Amino acid sequence: MTGRLAGVALQLTALAVFVCMDTMLKLLTAHFAVPQLMWARFFFSLIAAAAFFRLVTGRLPWRSKTPGLQAVRSLLLAGSNLMFSSALVHLPLTDCTAIGFASPLFTVALAALWLKERVGPRRWTGVGIGFLGVLVALRPPFLTGGEPVHWAAILPLGTAAMFAVYSILTRKLAAIDDPRTTILHTGFAGAVVASLVQPFVWIPPTAPEWAMLIGLGLLGGVGHGLLVLAFSRAPASLLAPMSYTQLIWATVAGVLVFADWPDLTTLAGAAVIALGGVLVALPDRPARA
């Protein structure tokens, strides 16, 4: 039980770090192209992780038993970040976070189908309710009677799906590779791919902007390092619902930094998603003998 509680604590901390990163990311989208931000996000997190392990352990635990799976995981994270960052250009932080709450629901379903984790009827009901909440948060005209859904609202949903697969691979790799190896590989493929496009999008940063770009990478590295450690200590179906705490921090950041107050539709959708998350988080009753 202690290991599971440690996993939950690590997950909650990682989520708070991610909101800080997303806030900085939205600020930087006003000055830089998204691919340049993705390069900073992955490159500096990779450098920081490599330097940390080198200083602390005296070596780089780089060699993976499944390098192909590590590369796929890294690219999924890069694609997930690319979609979310692109959505932040057009949508408030709270809206993107609320729609992105579909990720834990995808994760629970994949944990049952792929990792064979036990997910009973109550949790499946929670998944269904959660997806209903996502539908509300997307503001379809037939529910709100208003304008059509902004096309960028689809991007956080794509982020959710890709991040769910990323989370499942993180859990799967926890049983194969050393967590330090997985942390090192997290940003590698994304940094390589992002580096290839920099000649076409590069905007020279000022000294303060360099500091923010480096901070973006450090926050990403710390967040995903904590995430890897969390998934090595607790099952994916338990950790996934913890993601709903992000809405609290995202709402606070949206109001304080961007003066974006969430509307009732966003809050209603998030509440329904959270209700589904609570049902998912509750343990299933043991079967009678």
Protein backbone atom coordinates (compact mmCIF):
# COMPACT_ATOMS: atom_id res chain seq x y z
CA MET A 1 0.00 0.00 0.00
CA THR A 2 2.88 2.33 0.81
CA GLY A 3 4.19 1.95 -2.73
CA ARG A 4 0.80 2.86 -4.19
CA LEU A 5 0.47 5.92 -1.98
CA ALA A 6 3.94 7.03 -3.05
CA GLY A 7 2.86 6.58 -6.68
CA VAL A 8 -0.21 8.74 -6.12
CA ALA A 9 1.87 11.46 -4.42
CA LEU A 10 4.37 11.45 -7.28
CA GLN A 11 1.55 11.66 -9.82
CA LEU A 12 -0.10 14.63 -8.09
CA THR A 13 3.21 16.48 -7.94
CA ALA A 14 3.88 15.77 -11.60
CA LEU A 15 0.47 17.17 -12.56
CA ALA A 16 1.13 20.44 -10.71
CA VAL A 17 4.46 20.74 -12.52
CA PHE A 18 2.72 20.14 -15.87
CA VAL A 19 0.31 23.03 -15.24
CA CYS A 20 3.28 25.33 -14.58
CA MET A 21 4.82 24.14 -17.84
CA ASP A 22 1.57 24.63 -19.78
CA THR A 23 1.21 28.16 -18.39
CA MET A 24 4.72 29.07 -19.50
CA LEU A 25 4.06 27.39 -22.85
CA LYS A 26 0.94 29.48 -23.49
CA LEU A 27 2.88 32.65 -22.66
CA LEU A 28 5.61 31.71 -25.14
CA THR A 29 3.20 30.88 -28.00
CA ALA A 30 2.75 34.64 -28.45
CA HIS A 31 6.40 34.98 -29.50
CA PHE A 32 7.56 31.66 -30.97
CA ALA A 33 6.32 28.99 -33.36
CA VAL A 34 5.10 25.82 -31.66
CA PRO A 35 7.86 23.59 -33.19
CA GLN A 36 10.54 25.84 -31.65
CA LEU A 37 8.86 25.54 -28.27
CA MET A 38 8.72 21.77 -28.66
CA TRP A 39 12.43 21.72 -29.41
CA ALA A 40 13.19 23.65 -26.21
CA ARG A 41 10.81 21.46 -24.24
CA PHE A 42 12.48 18.20 -25.24
CA PHE A 43 16.07 19.28 -25.80
CA PHE A 44 16.58 20.98 -22.44
CA SER A 45 14.72 18.27 -20.52
CA LEU A 46 17.02 15.67 -22.14
CA ILE A 47 20.14 17.67 -21.27
CA ALA A 48 18.96 18.17 -17.68
CA ALA A 49 18.16 14.48 -17.18
CA ALA A 50 21.50 13.38 -18.65
CA ALA A 51 23.45 15.86 -16.50
CA PHE A 52 21.57 14.81 -13.36
CA PHE A 53 22.23 11.10 -13.78
CA ARG A 54 25.84 11.73 -14.75
CA LEU A 55 26.49 13.80 -11.63
CA VAL A 56 24.55 11.59 -9.21
CA THR A 57 25.39 8.09 -10.47
CA GLY A 58 28.56 8.78 -12.48
CA ARG A 59 27.07 7.14 -15.56
CA LEU A 60 24.22 7.36 -18.05
CA PRO A 61 21.83 4.38 -17.78
CA TRP A 62 21.00 4.75 -21.47
CA ARG A 63 20.85 1.19 -22.79
CA SER A 64 17.27 -0.04 -23.15
CA LYS A 65 16.07 -3.60 -23.65
CA THR A 66 13.40 -2.26 -26.02
CA PRO A 67 14.79 0.88 -27.74
CA GLY A 68 12.08 0.79 -30.40
CA LEU A 69 9.33 0.93 -27.78
CA GLN A 70 11.14 3.78 -26.04
CA ALA A 71 11.32 5.71 -29.33
CA VAL A 72 7.61 5.19 -30.00
CA ARG A 73 6.81 6.40 -26.48
CA SER A 74 8.94 9.53 -26.95
CA LEU A 75 7.32 10.33 -30.30
CA LEU A 76 3.85 9.88 -28.83
CA LEU A 77 4.72 12.40 -26.15
CA ALA A 78 6.08 14.79 -28.79
CA GLY A 79 2.88 14.50 -30.84
CA SER A 80 0.75 14.95 -27.74
CA ASN A 81 2.66 18.11 -26.77
CA LEU A 82 2.49 19.45 -30.32
CA MET A 83 -1.30 19.15 -30.40
CA PHE A 84 -1.77 20.65 -26.95
CA SER A 85 0.58 23.56 -27.64
CA SER A 86 -1.19 24.29 -30.93
CA ALA A 87 -4.53 24.31 -29.09
CA LEU A 88 -3.21 26.83 -26.55
CA VAL A 89 -2.72 29.33 -29.37
CA HIS A 90 -6.50 29.42 -29.92
CA LEU A 91 -8.15 28.28 -26.66
CA PRO A 92 -7.96 29.19 -22.95
CA LEU A 93 -5.76 27.01 -20.74
CA THR A 94 -8.73 25.80 -18.69
CA ASP A 95 -10.64 24.66 -21.80
CA CYS A 96 -7.65 22.73 -23.14
CA THR A 97 -7.13 21.08 -19.76
CA ALA A 98 -10.80 20.15 -19.39
CA ILE A 99 -10.99 18.49 -22.82
CA GLY A 100 -7.65 16.81 -22.16
CA PHE A 101 -9.26 15.08 -19.20
CA ALA A 102 -10.31 12.40 -21.67
CA SER A 103 -6.76 11.03 -21.36
CA PRO A 104 -7.33 9.20 -18.03
CA LEU A 105 -10.47 7.64 -19.48
CA PHE A 106 -8.53 6.36 -22.48
CA THR A 107 -5.82 5.17 -20.11
CA VAL A 108 -8.20 3.13 -17.96
CA ALA A 109 -9.71 1.46 -21.04
CA LEU A 110 -6.28 0.67 -22.47
CA ALA A 111 -5.03 -0.58 -19.09
CA ALA A 112 -7.85 -3.13 -19.09
CA LEU A 113 -7.49 -4.18 -22.73
CA TRP A 114 -3.72 -4.04 -23.09
CA LEU A 115 -2.16 -4.48 -19.65
CA LYS A 116 -4.98 -6.77 -18.47
CA GLU A 117 -5.50 -4.71 -15.32
CA ARG A 118 -8.79 -5.47 -13.61
CA VAL A 119 -11.43 -2.84 -14.47
CA GLY A 120 -14.91 -3.79 -13.27
CA PRO A 121 -18.40 -2.56 -14.25
CA ARG A 122 -18.25 0.44 -11.93
CA ARG A 123 -15.09 1.75 -13.56
CA TRP A 124 -16.43 1.16 -17.07
CA THR A 125 -19.50 3.19 -16.06
CA GLY A 126 -17.18 5.94 -14.90
CA VAL A 127 -15.39 5.89 -18.26
CA GLY A 128 -18.73 6.29 -20.06
CA ILE A 129 -19.82 9.19 -17.84
CA GLY A 130 -16.43 10.82 -18.29
CA PHE A 131 -16.71 10.76 -22.06
CA LEU A 132 -20.16 12.33 -21.77
CA GLY A 133 -18.50 15.15 -19.83
CA VAL A 134 -15.91 15.54 -22.59
CA LEU A 135 -18.78 15.92 -25.06
CA VAL A 136 -20.25 18.73 -22.94
CA ALA A 137 -16.85 20.46 -22.67
CA LEU A 138 -16.54 20.39 -26.47
CA ARG A 139 -19.69 22.56 -26.71
CA PRO A 140 -21.45 20.88 -29.65
CA PRO A 141 -24.16 23.16 -31.12
CA PHE A 142 -26.92 20.60 -30.55
CA LEU A 143 -26.28 20.89 -26.78
CA THR A 144 -25.52 24.59 -26.41
CA GLY A 145 -27.46 26.06 -29.33
CA GLY A 146 -24.50 28.33 -29.94
CA GLU A 147 -21.70 28.57 -32.48
CA PRO A 148 -20.02 25.49 -33.95
CA VAL A 149 -17.15 23.92 -32.03
CA HIS A 150 -13.84 25.69 -32.63
CA TRP A 151 -11.69 23.39 -34.74
CA ALA A 152 -8.82 23.67 -32.22
CA ALA A 153 -10.97 21.94 -29.59
CA ILE A 154 -10.24 18.66 -31.39
CA LEU A 155 -6.53 19.03 -30.67
CA PRO A 156 -6.72 18.46 -26.89
CA LEU A 157 -8.81 15.37 -27.60
CA GLY A 158 -6.05 14.07 -29.87
CA THR A 159 -3.59 14.97 -27.11
CA ALA A 160 -5.65 12.90 -24.68
CA ALA A 161 -5.60 9.82 -26.90
CA MET A 162 -1.87 10.01 -27.60
CA PHE A 163 -1.01 10.71 -23.97
CA ALA A 164 -3.09 7.70 -22.88
CA VAL A 165 -1.02 5.41 -25.09
CA TYR A 166 2.12 7.14 -23.79
CA SER A 167 0.99 6.43 -20.20
CA ILE A 168 0.33 2.78 -20.97
CA LEU A 169 3.76 2.42 -22.56
CA THR A 170 5.27 4.09 -19.48
CA ARG A 171 3.59 1.49 -17.29
CA LYS A 172 4.65 -1.34 -19.61
CA LEU A 173 8.27 -0.16 -19.73
CA ALA A 174 8.35 0.06 -15.93
CA ALA A 175 8.49 -3.76 -15.93
CA ILE A 176 11.20 -3.89 -18.62
CA ASP A 177 13.68 -1.03 -18.19
CA ASP A 178 15.18 0.84 -15.27
CA PRO A 179 13.04 3.97 -14.60
CA ARG A 180 16.18 6.10 -15.10
CA THR A 181 16.57 4.65 -18.59
CA THR A 182 12.96 5.50 -19.42
CA ILE A 183 13.42 9.05 -18.10
CA LEU A 184 16.44 9.54 -20.36
CA HIS A 185 14.59 8.22 -23.41
CA THR A 186 11.48 10.33 -22.74
CA GLY A 187 12.70 13.38 -24.64
CA PHE A 188 15.25 11.87 -27.02
CA ALA A 189 13.20 11.05 -30.13
CA GLY A 190 11.12 14.20 -29.72
CA ALA A 191 14.27 16.35 -29.47
CA VAL A 192 15.75 14.77 -32.61
CA VAL A 193 12.60 15.27 -34.70
CA ALA A 194 12.08 18.84 -33.43
CA SER A 195 15.72 19.73 -34.19
CA LEU A 196 15.23 18.82 -37.84
CA VAL A 197 12.64 21.55 -38.41
CA GLN A 198 14.36 24.40 -36.52
CA PRO A 199 16.04 25.92 -39.61
CA PHE A 200 12.55 26.65 -40.96
CA VAL A 201 10.95 28.16 -37.83
CA TRP A 202 13.76 29.55 -35.67
CA ILE A 203 13.30 32.98 -34.07
CA PRO A 204 16.33 34.22 -32.06
CA PRO A 205 15.31 34.50 -28.37
CA THR A 206 16.34 37.31 -26.06
CA ALA A 207 18.14 36.53 -22.79
CA PRO A 208 14.92 36.43 -20.71
CA GLU A 209 13.25 34.30 -23.40
CA TRP A 210 16.19 31.87 -23.31
CA ALA A 211 15.61 31.54 -19.57
CA MET A 212 11.93 30.73 -20.16
CA LEU A 213 12.75 28.21 -22.89
CA ILE A 214 15.24 26.46 -20.62
CA GLY A 215 12.69 26.56 -17.79
CA LEU A 216 10.14 24.98 -20.12
CA GLY A 217 12.45 22.03 -20.70
CA LEU A 218 13.33 21.69 -17.02
CA LEU A 219 9.68 21.64 -15.97
CA GLY A 220 8.89 19.05 -18.62
CA GLY A 221 11.80 16.88 -17.58
CA VAL A 222 10.91 17.03 -13.89
CA GLY A 223 7.23 16.36 -14.57
CA HIS A 224 7.78 13.32 -16.74
CA GLY A 225 10.51 12.02 -14.44
CA LEU A 226 8.00 12.07 -11.60
CA LEU A 227 5.43 10.44 -13.88
CA VAL A 228 7.78 7.56 -14.71
CA LEU A 229 8.47 7.00 -11.00
CA ALA A 230 4.73 7.11 -10.25
CA PHE A 231 3.89 4.46 -12.85
CA SER A 232 6.66 2.23 -11.50
CA ARG A 233 4.93 2.22 -8.09
CA ALA A 234 1.20 2.10 -8.84
CA PRO A 235 -1.13 0.69 -11.55
CA ALA A 236 -2.21 2.91 -14.42
CA SER A 237 -5.92 2.52 -13.63
CA LEU A 238 -5.33 3.97 -10.13
CA LEU A 239 -3.14 6.86 -11.23
CA ALA A 240 -5.19 7.96 -14.24
CA PRO A 241 -8.05 9.64 -12.30
CA MET A 242 -5.55 11.76 -10.37
CA SER A 243 -5.21 13.87 -13.52
CA TYR A 244 -8.45 15.67 -12.66
CA THR A 245 -6.60 17.75 -10.06
CA GLN A 246 -5.03 19.59 -13.00
CA LEU A 247 -8.24 21.54 -13.58
CA ILE A 248 -7.88 23.27 -10.21
CA TRP A 249 -4.38 24.53 -10.98
CA ALA A 250 -5.19 25.27 -14.63
CA THR A 251 -8.20 27.38 -13.59
CA VAL A 252 -6.12 29.34 -11.07
CA ALA A 253 -3.34 29.89 -13.64
CA GLY A 254 -5.84 30.89 -16.33
CA VAL A 255 -7.43 33.51 -14.10
CA LEU A 256 -4.26 34.92 -12.53
CA VAL A 257 -1.99 34.89 -15.59
CA PHE A 258 -4.36 35.28 -18.56
CA ALA A 259 -7.55 36.66 -16.95
CA ASP A 260 -9.47 33.77 -18.57
CA TRP A 261 -12.46 32.89 -16.41
CA PRO A 262 -13.93 29.45 -17.26
CA ASP A 263 -17.54 29.55 -18.41
CA LEU A 264 -20.35 27.37 -17.07
CA THR A 265 -20.18 24.93 -19.98
CA THR A 266 -16.51 24.20 -19.34
CA LEU A 267 -17.09 23.79 -15.61
CA ALA A 268 -20.13 21.57 -16.18
CA GLY A 269 -18.21 19.34 -18.56
CA ALA A 270 -15.28 19.15 -16.17
CA ALA A 271 -17.63 18.27 -13.28
CA VAL A 272 -19.18 15.40 -15.24
CA ILE A 273 -15.73 14.17 -16.24
CA ALA A 274 -14.62 14.35 -12.60
CA LEU A 275 -17.70 12.35 -11.55
CA GLY A 276 -16.71 9.66 -14.01
CA GLY A 277 -13.17 9.84 -12.64
CA VAL A 278 -14.39 9.26 -9.08
CA LEU A 279 -16.26 6.15 -10.20
CA VAL A 280 -13.14 4.96 -11.97
CA ALA A 281 -11.01 5.59 -8.89
CA LEU A 282 -13.29 3.64 -6.53
CA PRO A 283 -12.12 0.05 -6.04
CA ASP A 284 -14.33 -2.72 -7.38
CA ARG A 285 -16.08 -4.94 -4.88
CA PRO A 286 -14.46 -8.37 -4.56
CA ALA A 287 -16.44 -11.18 -6.10
CA ARG A 288 -18.25 -13.54 -3.69
CA ALA A 289 -16.81 -17.01 -3.37
